[in-house]
Amino acid sequence: MIPSDFKTGAARARESFGMGKDAGRFRERIFDMTRRESLEVLAAPLAASSASAAFDPNFGSALDAAAAIANRKISSVELTQHVYERIGKHQPKLNPFVYLMREEALAQARRADEAVAKGGAHPPLTGVPVVIKESFGIAGRPCTWGIPALKDAKAAANAAANATAVQRLLDAGAVVVGATNVPINLGDEQSYNDIYGTTNNPWDATRTPGGSSGGNAAALAAGMGFLGIGSDIGGSVRGPAHCCGIFGRKPTLDVVSMRGHAPGGERSVPGFSTLLAVAGPMARTAEDLEAAMGVLGGPEPPDSVAYTWRTPAARRERLREFRIGYVLDDPLAPVSSETAAVLESAVRALEKGGAKLVRGWPPAFSLGGMFSTYVFMLSAFTYSTSPAEEQARQRAEFAATKDSPFAAGALADFAAWSRRNIQRLYLRALWQRYFQDFDAFLLPVLPVPAFPHDHSPQATRTLESDKGRLPYLQGLLAYMGLANLTGLPATVAQAGRTAKGLPVGIQILGPYLEDATPIRLAALLAREHGGFTPPPGY
């Protein structure tokens, strides 16, 4: 439990901007404006912050780091060097990083310090060390997606080759320290491949850190950076946040650009949407997720010619104002007793804080029906974008596997795909009707905590708990697919830890395009129930 009078550097920064008793004022300004305007507002409280408390260079928040740098409590060079010292210490055990950018990072840090020394306004993440998932293109750097055939693939060696999300972090003043590990083709809740090896969980090195943004999660949980950018088509931000005890954000579909998130760092056709995948931030606090969305969100050309991004402020500011639905278990993916107990404790904490909670799925919603459509759409997309030789391999695999749930989508014709796409949009409308009466919905992230490494063929794997054995992909995707299929925003907050000390996250689903609401609830839950805790030994 965090005392009600506890204040982080971020909270003090917000108070200096007039947020002490009216936090909604800040969020209205951040989320109800264009991305460019929000960057200017985000920078203001950092420059004004008193930063009176000591800054923790290991596990402080990104906002705390930005405030400490802006107030010259620590230089960006000092903080970046400190991060590299921690990487040197913990990389051998955890292996979260696949390459580092020490020379470029220190040059960025020196420029940040020079900007601070000159005074005046500067970008909101000036000098803050951040980590990037290897699947995002960084100019001249590897972008293999863990695929052995692409072990020599690199993004083009010019600034225009940076993925849009990466460039926006750089434009906000962030210092990129390196890129983090992924599973092969980003297709697993474990992060290992033949190019870079296996990433381990800081809470237990024999277990997965999650995937496919597992390298990010391990690095942030172990204090080797202050903010990360990941991607999520099936829980690839949310699963690692759950496994490693941090916060993760799956934004509303297409609010954050995915350009430059492709094998080899290739920049996709402008305006292309997968209809499922998103890019989103990972951090140790909900407030950092909020700040990162202000940096990352918004359209780019050609859409930015006519469109701007304006997300409403959070619907509620206090727990007692929130109306929340929840489901902590479903027969499709039975939740282990140890996980369920932790999730239940988070629900009880919200009730104690005055929130109104109602158990049960929305009327007419079936998790099994949703899952069928999600797997169809997911397999249709992944198959259609695979190389010809991979498609041939998959066709042979589908022919040998009777009633494969992935075969229907992969081999469907356009008419069948269109029918499923209409179901996707129907489900979004169903949830929007639900959110007329409720502000958020809670559900599990995964049915088990971080599980032991298992590099056997995925088709043979299971998730094991006291509830029995669950087919691997069904367990991983059952609760994750809902936000991806509907395009709704979802935030993973920390619910607590099991008796064995493993972290458990809880997924907070929010209304379409109202990204601030689930982030706000995540912050309130952390205040009431506890947020990020460093793993032992780090």
Protein backbone atom coordinates (compact mmCIF):
# COMPACT_ATOMS: atom_id res chain seq x y z
CA MET A 1 0.00 0.00 0.00
CA ILE A 2 1.35 3.44 -0.95
CA PRO A 3 0.56 6.24 1.54
CA SER A 4 -1.90 8.81 0.25
CA ASP A 5 0.61 11.60 0.81
CA PHE A 6 3.36 9.87 -1.21
CA LYS A 7 4.49 12.05 -4.11
CA THR A 8 6.82 11.09 -6.93
CA GLY A 9 8.86 13.61 -8.86
CA ALA A 10 6.23 13.33 -11.58
CA ALA A 11 3.50 14.28 -9.11
CA ARG A 12 5.47 17.29 -7.94
CA ALA A 13 6.02 18.29 -11.54
CA ARG A 14 2.29 18.15 -12.17
CA GLU A 15 1.57 20.17 -9.03
CA SER A 16 3.94 22.87 -10.19
CA PHE A 17 1.79 23.08 -13.29
CA GLY A 18 -1.35 23.59 -11.27
CA MET A 19 -2.32 19.94 -10.97
CA GLY A 20 -2.25 19.33 -7.23
CA LYS A 21 -6.02 19.33 -6.61
CA ASP A 22 -7.16 19.31 -10.20
CA ALA A 23 -5.24 16.62 -12.03
CA GLY A 24 -7.90 16.60 -14.74
CA ARG A 25 -6.68 20.00 -15.89
CA PHE A 26 -3.37 18.48 -16.99
CA ARG A 27 -4.96 15.47 -18.69
CA GLU A 28 -7.48 17.60 -20.54
CA ARG A 29 -4.60 19.64 -21.92
CA ILE A 30 -2.54 16.59 -22.84
CA PHE A 31 -5.22 14.40 -24.37
CA ASP A 32 -7.56 16.99 -25.87
CA MET A 33 -5.04 18.63 -28.17
CA THR A 34 -2.81 17.92 -31.13
CA ARG A 35 0.38 15.92 -30.65
CA ARG A 36 2.54 19.02 -31.22
CA GLU A 37 0.61 21.01 -28.62
CA SER A 38 0.84 18.14 -26.13
CA LEU A 39 4.63 18.04 -26.46
CA GLU A 40 4.80 21.69 -25.47
CA VAL A 41 2.55 21.13 -22.44
CA LEU A 42 4.45 18.02 -21.35
CA ALA A 43 7.68 20.00 -21.30
CA ALA A 44 6.30 22.77 -19.09
CA PRO A 45 5.88 20.93 -15.78
CA LEU A 46 9.33 19.38 -16.09
CA ALA A 47 10.97 22.77 -16.41
CA ALA A 48 8.93 24.10 -13.50
CA SER A 49 9.39 21.11 -11.19
CA SER A 50 11.13 21.69 -7.89
CA ALA A 51 12.58 18.14 -8.03
CA SER A 52 13.18 18.48 -4.30
CA ALA A 53 13.38 14.77 -3.51
CA ALA A 54 16.34 12.61 -4.40
CA PHE A 55 16.10 11.05 -7.86
CA ASP A 56 16.56 7.27 -8.10
CA PRO A 57 18.85 6.67 -11.12
CA ASN A 58 18.07 2.94 -11.05
CA PHE A 59 14.28 2.81 -10.88
CA GLY A 60 13.00 6.38 -11.04
CA SER A 61 10.27 7.08 -13.57
CA ALA A 62 10.93 8.62 -16.98
CA LEU A 63 9.19 11.80 -15.83
CA ASP A 64 11.36 11.86 -12.70
CA ALA A 65 14.45 11.45 -14.89
CA ALA A 66 13.37 14.26 -17.21
CA ALA A 67 12.71 16.56 -14.24
CA ALA A 68 16.06 15.72 -12.61
CA ILE A 69 17.90 16.49 -15.86
CA ALA A 70 15.91 19.68 -16.47
CA ASN A 71 16.69 20.86 -12.93
CA ARG A 72 20.36 19.84 -13.23
CA LYS A 73 20.17 17.34 -10.38
CA ILE A 74 21.90 14.90 -12.72
CA SER A 75 23.20 15.31 -16.24
CA SER A 76 22.00 13.20 -19.13
CA VAL A 77 25.58 12.03 -19.69
CA GLU A 78 25.86 10.90 -16.07
CA LEU A 79 22.52 9.10 -16.22
CA THR A 80 23.27 7.46 -19.57
CA GLN A 81 26.65 6.26 -18.32
CA HIS A 82 24.94 4.91 -15.22
CA VAL A 83 22.47 2.97 -17.39
CA TYR A 84 25.35 1.45 -19.37
CA GLU A 85 27.03 0.43 -16.12
CA ARG A 86 23.87 -1.41 -15.11
CA ILE A 87 23.64 -3.01 -18.54
CA GLY A 88 27.23 -4.21 -18.20
CA LYS A 89 26.37 -5.72 -14.82
CA HIS A 90 23.07 -7.43 -15.66
CA GLN A 91 23.25 -8.16 -19.41
CA PRO A 92 25.18 -11.46 -18.97
CA LYS A 93 22.44 -12.92 -16.76
CA LEU A 94 19.36 -11.51 -18.47
CA ASN A 95 20.42 -10.90 -22.11
CA PRO A 96 17.75 -8.27 -22.86
CA PHE A 97 19.85 -6.24 -25.33
CA VAL A 98 20.78 -7.36 -28.83
CA TYR A 99 22.90 -4.31 -29.61
CA LEU A 100 23.91 -1.11 -27.86
CA MET A 101 24.39 2.41 -29.22
CA ARG A 102 26.87 3.76 -26.68
CA GLU A 103 28.65 6.26 -28.90
CA GLU A 104 25.47 7.68 -30.40
CA ALA A 105 23.70 7.69 -27.03
CA LEU A 106 26.44 9.62 -25.27
CA ALA A 107 26.50 12.11 -28.13
CA GLN A 108 22.73 12.53 -27.76
CA ALA A 109 23.19 12.95 -24.00
CA ARG A 110 25.82 15.66 -24.46
CA ARG A 111 23.50 17.55 -26.79
CA ALA A 112 20.72 17.23 -24.23
CA ASP A 113 22.92 18.68 -21.50
CA GLU A 114 23.94 21.54 -23.76
CA ALA A 115 20.26 22.31 -24.44
CA VAL A 116 19.46 22.31 -20.73
CA ALA A 117 22.44 24.57 -20.01
CA LYS A 118 21.17 27.14 -22.50
CA GLY A 119 17.88 27.37 -20.59
CA GLY A 120 14.44 27.92 -22.04
CA ALA A 121 12.02 25.31 -23.28
CA HIS A 122 13.19 21.92 -24.43
CA PRO A 123 11.43 18.67 -25.44
CA PRO A 124 9.70 16.65 -22.69
CA LEU A 125 12.03 13.62 -22.66
CA THR A 126 15.27 15.56 -23.05
CA GLY A 127 18.17 13.39 -21.98
CA VAL A 128 16.10 10.39 -20.79
CA PRO A 129 17.60 6.95 -21.69
CA VAL A 130 15.09 4.73 -23.50
CA VAL A 131 15.10 1.25 -25.06
CA ILE A 132 13.67 0.14 -28.39
CA LYS A 133 12.34 -3.25 -29.46
CA GLU A 134 14.57 -4.67 -32.20
CA SER A 135 11.60 -4.90 -34.59
CA PHE A 136 11.55 -1.10 -35.05
CA GLY A 137 13.84 0.29 -37.70
CA ILE A 138 16.73 2.42 -36.45
CA ALA A 139 18.92 3.98 -39.14
CA GLY A 140 21.81 1.69 -40.05
CA ARG A 141 21.01 -0.83 -37.32
CA PRO A 142 19.90 -4.48 -37.37
CA CYS A 143 16.19 -5.14 -37.70
CA THR A 144 15.99 -8.92 -38.02
CA TRP A 145 12.83 -9.76 -36.08
CA GLY A 146 14.87 -12.71 -34.82
CA ILE A 147 14.58 -14.43 -38.21
CA PRO A 148 17.83 -16.32 -38.97
CA ALA A 149 17.53 -15.66 -42.70
CA LEU A 150 17.58 -11.93 -41.92
CA LYS A 151 20.54 -11.98 -39.53
CA ASP A 152 22.36 -9.40 -41.67
CA ALA A 153 19.30 -7.22 -42.35
CA LYS A 154 19.63 -3.56 -41.37
CA ALA A 155 17.54 -0.45 -41.78
CA ALA A 156 18.85 2.04 -44.32
CA ALA A 157 21.69 4.20 -43.03
CA ASN A 158 19.90 7.54 -43.02
CA ALA A 159 17.70 9.37 -40.53
CA ALA A 160 14.65 8.92 -42.74
CA ALA A 161 14.91 5.17 -42.09
CA ASN A 162 13.98 5.52 -38.43
CA ALA A 163 10.58 4.05 -37.60
CA THR A 164 8.09 6.82 -36.93
CA ALA A 165 7.77 5.85 -33.24
CA VAL A 166 11.56 5.91 -32.85
CA GLN A 167 11.85 9.29 -34.53
CA ARG A 168 9.16 10.75 -32.31
CA LEU A 169 11.06 9.64 -29.21
CA LEU A 170 14.21 11.23 -30.62
CA ASP A 171 12.31 14.41 -31.44
CA ALA A 172 11.13 14.47 -27.83
CA GLY A 173 14.76 14.49 -26.69
CA ALA A 174 15.08 10.83 -25.63
CA VAL A 175 18.46 9.06 -25.65
CA VAL A 176 18.29 5.64 -27.32
CA VAL A 177 20.67 3.28 -25.51
CA GLY A 178 20.03 0.16 -27.59
CA ALA A 179 17.61 -2.41 -28.95
CA THR A 180 16.11 -5.39 -27.17
CA ASN A 181 15.45 -9.03 -27.92
CA VAL A 182 12.41 -10.63 -29.58
CA PRO A 183 11.20 -14.11 -30.52
CA ILE A 184 11.41 -15.36 -34.11
CA ASN A 185 9.09 -13.24 -36.26
CA LEU A 186 7.67 -11.76 -33.03
CA GLY A 187 5.55 -14.88 -32.68
CA ASP A 188 5.86 -16.08 -29.09
CA GLU A 189 5.32 -15.19 -25.43
CA GLN A 190 9.00 -16.03 -25.00
CA SER A 191 11.89 -13.96 -26.33
CA TYR A 192 14.55 -16.16 -27.90
CA ASN A 193 15.99 -16.79 -31.35
CA ASP A 194 19.08 -18.29 -33.00
CA ILE A 195 20.62 -14.88 -33.67
CA TYR A 196 20.53 -13.30 -30.22
CA GLY A 197 19.84 -16.16 -27.82
CA THR A 198 17.41 -16.21 -24.90
CA THR A 199 16.25 -13.34 -22.68
CA ASN A 200 15.54 -14.20 -19.04
CA ASN A 201 13.11 -12.79 -16.51
CA PRO A 202 14.67 -10.64 -13.74
CA TRP A 203 12.28 -12.17 -11.20
CA ASP A 204 13.42 -15.70 -12.06
CA ALA A 205 16.01 -16.31 -14.77
CA THR A 206 14.58 -19.77 -15.47
CA ARG A 207 11.35 -18.15 -16.69
CA THR A 208 10.25 -16.15 -19.70
CA PRO A 209 10.12 -12.35 -19.56
CA GLY A 210 7.22 -12.58 -22.00
CA GLY A 211 7.16 -11.79 -25.68
CA SER A 212 7.45 -10.48 -28.14
CA SER A 213 8.57 -7.29 -26.34
CA GLY A 214 10.27 -9.38 -23.65
CA GLY A 215 13.66 -7.72 -24.00
CA ASN A 216 12.09 -4.33 -23.27
CA ALA A 217 10.27 -5.64 -20.20
CA ALA A 218 13.35 -7.35 -18.75
CA ALA A 219 15.49 -4.23 -19.28
CA LEU A 220 12.96 -1.88 -17.68
CA ALA A 221 12.25 -4.18 -14.74
CA ALA A 222 16.00 -4.47 -14.06
CA GLY A 223 16.57 -0.71 -14.23
CA MET A 224 18.37 -0.55 -17.59
CA GLY A 225 16.34 2.27 -19.10
CA PHE A 226 13.40 4.50 -18.23
CA LEU A 227 10.94 3.97 -21.08
CA GLY A 228 10.48 1.49 -23.91
CA ILE A 229 8.56 1.20 -27.15
CA GLY A 230 7.08 -2.16 -28.11
CA SER A 231 4.52 -3.58 -30.50
CA ASP A 232 1.42 -5.67 -29.86
CA ILE A 233 -0.67 -7.80 -32.21
CA GLY A 234 -1.45 -10.48 -29.64
CA GLY A 235 -0.35 -9.17 -26.28
CA SER A 236 3.29 -8.50 -27.15
CA VAL A 237 3.40 -5.43 -24.90
CA ARG A 238 0.93 -6.62 -22.30
CA GLY A 239 2.27 -10.14 -21.74
CA PRO A 240 5.82 -8.97 -20.95
CA ALA A 241 4.46 -6.24 -18.65
CA HIS A 242 2.58 -8.95 -16.74
CA CYS A 243 5.57 -11.30 -16.62
CA CYS A 244 8.12 -8.68 -15.51
CA GLY A 245 6.04 -6.52 -13.19
CA ILE A 246 5.93 -3.28 -15.19
CA PHE A 247 3.23 -1.22 -16.94
CA GLY A 248 2.37 -1.64 -20.62
CA ARG A 249 0.13 0.17 -23.05
CA LYS A 250 -1.75 -1.19 -26.04
CA PRO A 251 -3.17 2.03 -27.58
CA THR A 252 -6.31 2.39 -29.65
CA LEU A 253 -5.72 0.96 -33.11
CA ASP A 254 -3.63 3.23 -35.38
CA VAL A 255 -3.24 6.08 -32.86
CA VAL A 256 0.53 5.39 -32.90
CA SER A 257 2.12 4.92 -36.32
CA MET A 258 3.54 1.50 -37.21
CA ARG A 259 5.63 2.77 -40.13
CA GLY A 260 9.13 1.34 -39.98
CA HIS A 261 8.00 -1.63 -37.89
CA ALA A 262 8.82 -4.31 -40.44
CA PRO A 263 11.56 -6.88 -41.07
CA GLY A 264 14.68 -5.11 -42.27
CA GLY A 265 13.29 -1.81 -41.04
CA GLU A 266 11.37 -1.26 -44.25
CA ARG A 267 8.84 1.55 -44.13
CA SER A 268 5.38 0.31 -45.03
CA VAL A 269 2.99 1.92 -47.48
CA PRO A 270 1.69 5.17 -45.92
CA GLY A 271 -1.70 4.71 -44.34
CA PHE A 272 -1.47 0.90 -44.18
CA SER A 273 -3.18 -0.69 -41.19
CA THR A 274 -2.96 -4.31 -40.10
CA LEU A 275 -6.35 -3.79 -38.34
CA LEU A 276 -4.82 -5.58 -35.33
CA ALA A 277 -1.26 -4.48 -34.49
CA VAL A 278 -0.24 -1.39 -32.55
CA ALA A 279 2.90 0.24 -31.21
CA GLY A 280 2.84 1.24 -27.56
CA PRO A 281 4.94 2.35 -24.60
CA MET A 282 6.27 0.29 -21.69
CA ALA A 283 7.33 1.84 -18.39
CA ARG A 284 7.46 1.51 -14.62
CA THR A 285 4.56 3.91 -13.95
CA ALA A 286 1.20 4.67 -15.51
CA GLU A 287 2.13 8.36 -15.60
CA ASP A 288 5.05 7.53 -17.90
CA LEU A 289 2.66 5.71 -20.24
CA GLU A 290 0.50 8.83 -20.32
CA ALA A 291 3.47 11.06 -21.13
CA ALA A 292 4.72 8.66 -23.80
CA MET A 293 1.33 8.64 -25.53
CA GLY A 294 1.57 12.41 -25.81
CA VAL A 295 4.88 11.95 -27.61
CA LEU A 296 4.03 8.94 -29.79
CA GLY A 297 0.41 9.51 -30.79
CA GLY A 298 -0.97 11.28 -33.83
CA PRO A 299 -1.12 10.93 -37.60
CA GLU A 300 1.70 11.35 -40.09
CA PRO A 301 1.66 12.16 -43.81
CA PRO A 302 -0.51 11.79 -45.77
CA ASP A 303 -3.18 11.68 -43.03
CA SER A 304 -1.70 14.61 -41.09
CA VAL A 305 -2.51 16.88 -44.01
CA ALA A 306 -6.14 16.80 -42.90
CA TYR A 307 -6.28 15.10 -39.49
CA THR A 308 -5.09 15.86 -35.97
CA TRP A 309 -5.21 13.57 -32.94
CA ARG A 310 -7.41 14.56 -30.03
CA THR A 311 -8.10 12.04 -27.29
CA PRO A 312 -10.54 12.98 -24.54
CA ALA A 313 -9.32 13.41 -20.99
CA ALA A 314 -9.94 10.53 -18.61
CA ARG A 315 -13.63 10.10 -17.85
CA ARG A 316 -13.01 10.01 -14.10
CA GLU A 317 -10.35 11.34 -11.77
CA ARG A 318 -11.16 9.52 -8.51
CA LEU A 319 -11.72 5.84 -7.82
CA ARG A 320 -15.11 6.48 -6.26
CA GLU A 321 -16.30 7.91 -9.58
CA PHE A 322 -15.35 4.88 -11.71
CA ARG A 323 -17.87 2.31 -12.94
CA ILE A 324 -15.94 -0.86 -13.72
CA GLY A 325 -16.87 -4.26 -15.10
CA TYR A 326 -14.67 -7.26 -14.66
CA VAL A 327 -14.12 -10.96 -15.38
CA LEU A 328 -11.24 -12.78 -13.70
CA ASP A 329 -11.74 -16.22 -15.26
CA ASP A 330 -13.37 -17.93 -18.23
CA PRO A 331 -13.70 -21.60 -19.21
CA LEU A 332 -11.86 -20.87 -22.46
CA ALA A 333 -8.67 -20.13 -20.49
CA PRO A 334 -8.98 -21.16 -16.82
CA VAL A 335 -6.90 -18.88 -14.60
CA SER A 336 -4.58 -20.53 -12.10
CA SER A 337 -5.54 -20.22 -8.43
CA GLU A 338 -2.38 -18.26 -7.60
CA THR A 339 -3.06 -15.78 -10.41
CA ALA A 340 -6.76 -15.49 -9.58
CA ALA A 341 -5.99 -14.68 -5.96
CA VAL A 342 -3.74 -11.78 -6.95
CA LEU A 343 -6.30 -10.45 -9.45
CA GLU A 344 -9.01 -10.66 -6.81
CA SER A 345 -6.86 -8.61 -4.42
CA ALA A 346 -6.67 -5.82 -7.00
CA VAL A 347 -10.43 -5.84 -7.45
CA ARG A 348 -10.94 -5.64 -3.69
CA ALA A 349 -8.51 -2.70 -3.52
CA LEU A 350 -10.53 -0.83 -6.13
CA GLU A 351 -13.73 -1.53 -4.22
CA LYS A 352 -12.10 -0.30 -1.01
CA GLY A 353 -11.21 2.89 -2.85
CA GLY A 354 -14.88 3.43 -3.64
CA ALA A 355 -15.14 2.24 -7.25
CA LYS A 356 -18.34 0.50 -8.33
CA LEU A 357 -17.52 -2.95 -9.73
CA VAL A 358 -19.84 -5.39 -11.53
CA ARG A 359 -18.74 -8.90 -12.44
CA GLY A 360 -19.57 -10.44 -15.83
CA TRP A 361 -19.10 -10.11 -19.57
CA PRO A 362 -21.33 -7.67 -21.47
CA PRO A 363 -24.64 -9.15 -22.65
CA ALA A 364 -24.34 -11.09 -25.92
CA PHE A 365 -20.53 -11.29 -25.63
CA SER A 366 -18.77 -14.64 -25.82
CA LEU A 367 -15.03 -14.93 -25.27
CA GLY A 368 -15.02 -18.08 -27.39
CA GLY A 369 -16.79 -16.36 -30.28
CA MET A 370 -14.43 -13.40 -30.08
CA PHE A 371 -11.43 -15.72 -29.98
CA SER A 372 -12.54 -17.56 -33.12
CA THR A 373 -12.81 -14.31 -35.08
CA TYR A 374 -9.55 -12.98 -33.68
CA VAL A 375 -7.57 -16.09 -34.64
CA PHE A 376 -9.13 -15.95 -38.11
CA MET A 377 -8.13 -12.32 -38.64
CA LEU A 378 -4.68 -12.82 -37.11
CA SER A 379 -3.84 -15.83 -39.27
CA ALA A 380 -5.20 -14.13 -42.40
CA PHE A 381 -2.87 -11.19 -41.83
CA THR A 382 0.25 -13.13 -40.85
CA TYR A 383 -0.14 -15.60 -43.71
CA SER A 384 -0.80 -12.90 -46.32
CA THR A 385 2.35 -11.00 -45.35
CA SER A 386 4.65 -14.03 -45.13
CA PRO A 387 7.26 -14.78 -47.82
CA ALA A 388 6.21 -17.27 -50.50
CA GLU A 389 8.39 -20.04 -49.07
CA GLU A 390 6.88 -19.55 -45.61
CA GLN A 391 3.38 -19.67 -47.08
CA ALA A 392 4.23 -22.98 -48.74
CA ARG A 393 5.45 -24.38 -45.42
CA GLN A 394 2.31 -23.20 -43.64
CA ARG A 395 0.02 -24.73 -46.27
CA ALA A 396 1.70 -28.09 -45.77
CA GLU A 397 1.40 -27.72 -42.01
CA PHE A 398 -2.29 -26.84 -42.22
CA ALA A 399 -2.95 -29.85 -44.48
CA ALA A 400 -1.38 -32.15 -41.90
CA THR A 401 -3.18 -30.58 -38.92
CA LYS A 402 -6.87 -31.42 -38.81
CA ASP A 403 -9.18 -28.53 -38.00
CA SER A 404 -6.38 -26.04 -37.34
CA PRO A 405 -7.96 -22.81 -36.04
CA PHE A 406 -5.32 -20.86 -37.97
CA ALA A 407 -5.93 -22.59 -41.32
CA ALA A 408 -9.37 -21.06 -41.85
CA GLY A 409 -8.08 -17.50 -41.80
CA ALA A 410 -4.88 -18.17 -43.68
CA LEU A 411 -6.59 -19.93 -46.58
CA ALA A 412 -9.84 -17.92 -46.68
CA ASP A 413 -11.15 -16.09 -49.70
CA PHE A 414 -12.02 -12.41 -49.60
CA ALA A 415 -15.73 -13.00 -49.05
CA ALA A 416 -15.05 -15.10 -45.95
CA TRP A 417 -12.56 -12.52 -44.69
CA SER A 418 -15.09 -9.73 -45.18
CA ARG A 419 -17.72 -11.58 -43.14
CA ARG A 420 -15.25 -11.95 -40.28
CA ASN A 421 -14.24 -8.32 -40.58
CA ILE A 422 -17.87 -7.32 -40.13
CA GLN A 423 -17.91 -9.45 -36.96
CA ARG A 424 -14.81 -7.56 -35.79
CA LEU A 425 -16.61 -4.24 -36.21
CA TYR A 426 -19.75 -5.60 -34.58
CA LEU A 427 -17.75 -6.56 -31.50
CA ARG A 428 -16.28 -3.06 -31.31
CA ALA A 429 -19.81 -1.62 -31.44
CA LEU A 430 -20.95 -4.07 -28.74
CA TRP A 431 -18.22 -2.87 -26.40
CA GLN A 432 -18.91 0.77 -27.18
CA ARG A 433 -22.51 0.21 -26.09
CA TYR A 434 -21.17 -1.38 -22.91
CA PHE A 435 -18.95 1.62 -22.25
CA GLN A 436 -21.98 3.90 -22.25
CA ASP A 437 -22.67 2.50 -18.77
CA PHE A 438 -19.14 1.55 -17.68
CA ASP A 439 -15.82 3.37 -17.81
CA ALA A 440 -13.44 0.41 -17.93
CA PHE A 441 -13.33 -3.38 -17.90
CA LEU A 442 -10.84 -5.58 -16.04
CA LEU A 443 -9.67 -8.99 -17.23
CA PRO A 444 -6.60 -11.23 -16.91
CA VAL A 445 -3.50 -10.76 -19.01
CA LEU A 446 -2.40 -14.39 -18.96
CA PRO A 447 -3.90 -17.33 -17.02
CA VAL A 448 -0.55 -18.00 -15.31
CA PRO A 449 2.42 -15.91 -14.10
CA ALA A 450 5.71 -15.99 -16.02
CA PHE A 451 6.30 -19.63 -16.90
CA PRO A 452 9.53 -21.65 -17.34
CA HIS A 453 11.39 -21.41 -20.64
CA ASP A 454 10.07 -23.95 -23.16
CA HIS A 455 11.68 -24.02 -26.60
CA SER A 456 9.86 -27.08 -27.88
CA PRO A 457 7.63 -26.70 -30.98
CA GLN A 458 4.75 -24.38 -30.13
CA ALA A 459 2.15 -26.86 -31.34
CA THR A 460 3.22 -29.26 -28.59
CA ARG A 461 3.43 -26.75 -25.73
CA THR A 462 0.94 -26.29 -22.91
CA LEU A 463 0.48 -23.86 -20.04
CA GLU A 464 0.28 -25.82 -16.80
CA SER A 465 -1.36 -24.87 -13.53
CA ASP A 466 -3.55 -26.32 -10.80
CA LYS A 467 -6.42 -25.95 -13.29
CA GLY A 468 -4.81 -28.42 -15.67
CA ARG A 469 -3.08 -28.14 -19.02
CA LEU A 470 -4.13 -25.48 -21.48
CA PRO A 471 -3.17 -25.39 -25.19
CA TYR A 472 -0.31 -22.90 -25.46
CA LEU A 473 -1.66 -20.40 -27.99
CA GLN A 474 -5.16 -20.56 -26.56
CA GLY A 475 -3.81 -19.64 -23.14
CA LEU A 476 -1.65 -16.84 -24.50
CA LEU A 477 -4.20 -15.20 -26.76
CA ALA A 478 -7.61 -15.77 -25.17
CA TYR A 479 -7.61 -12.65 -23.00
CA MET A 480 -5.21 -10.63 -25.16
CA GLY A 481 -7.07 -10.92 -28.46
CA LEU A 482 -10.07 -8.87 -27.34
CA ALA A 483 -8.26 -5.51 -27.38
CA ASN A 484 -6.47 -6.32 -30.64
CA LEU A 485 -9.60 -7.47 -32.46
CA THR A 486 -11.79 -4.56 -31.39
CA GLY A 487 -9.03 -1.93 -31.58
CA LEU A 488 -9.83 -0.81 -28.01
CA PRO A 489 -7.09 0.61 -25.76
CA ALA A 490 -5.80 -1.58 -22.93
CA THR A 491 -3.33 -0.89 -20.13
CA VAL A 492 -1.59 -3.48 -17.97
CA ALA A 493 -1.17 -2.41 -14.36
CA GLN A 494 0.34 -4.41 -11.53
CA ALA A 495 -2.09 -6.46 -9.43
CA GLY A 496 0.49 -7.85 -7.01
CA ARG A 497 2.70 -10.93 -6.65
CA THR A 498 2.06 -14.62 -6.11
CA ALA A 499 3.18 -16.55 -3.04
CA LYS A 500 6.29 -17.49 -5.03
CA GLY A 501 7.03 -13.81 -5.60
CA LEU A 502 6.15 -13.65 -9.30
CA PRO A 503 4.41 -10.49 -10.56
CA VAL A 504 0.86 -10.58 -11.93
CA GLY A 505 -0.61 -7.88 -14.14
CA ILE A 506 -4.24 -6.96 -14.68
CA GLN A 507 -5.56 -5.77 -18.01
CA ILE A 508 -7.67 -2.59 -18.09
CA LEU A 509 -9.77 -2.25 -21.24
CA GLY A 510 -11.10 1.18 -22.15
CA PRO A 511 -13.50 2.81 -24.63
CA TYR A 512 -12.41 3.23 -28.25
CA LEU A 513 -10.14 6.29 -28.69
CA GLU A 514 -10.39 7.15 -24.97
CA ASP A 515 -6.85 6.09 -24.13
CA ALA A 516 -6.57 8.33 -21.08
CA THR A 517 -9.29 6.51 -19.12
CA PRO A 518 -7.62 3.10 -18.59
CA ILE A 519 -4.27 4.79 -17.97
CA ARG A 520 -5.86 6.92 -15.26
CA LEU A 521 -7.41 3.85 -13.63
CA ALA A 522 -4.01 2.10 -13.72
CA ALA A 523 -2.47 5.06 -11.89
CA LEU A 524 -5.22 5.06 -9.27
CA LEU A 525 -4.85 1.31 -8.74
CA ALA A 526 -1.12 1.75 -8.21
CA ARG A 527 -1.78 4.47 -5.66
CA GLU A 528 -4.27 2.29 -3.80
CA HIS A 529 -2.67 -1.12 -4.16
CA GLY A 530 0.99 -0.64 -5.11
CA GLY A 531 2.77 -0.33 -8.44
CA PHE A 532 6.17 -1.37 -9.72
CA THR A 533 8.59 -3.02 -7.30
CA PRO A 534 12.21 -3.78 -8.29
CA PRO A 535 12.95 -7.50 -8.49
CA PRO A 536 15.28 -8.82 -5.76
CA GLY A 537 18.96 -8.40 -6.51
CA TYR A 538 18.67 -5.47 -8.92
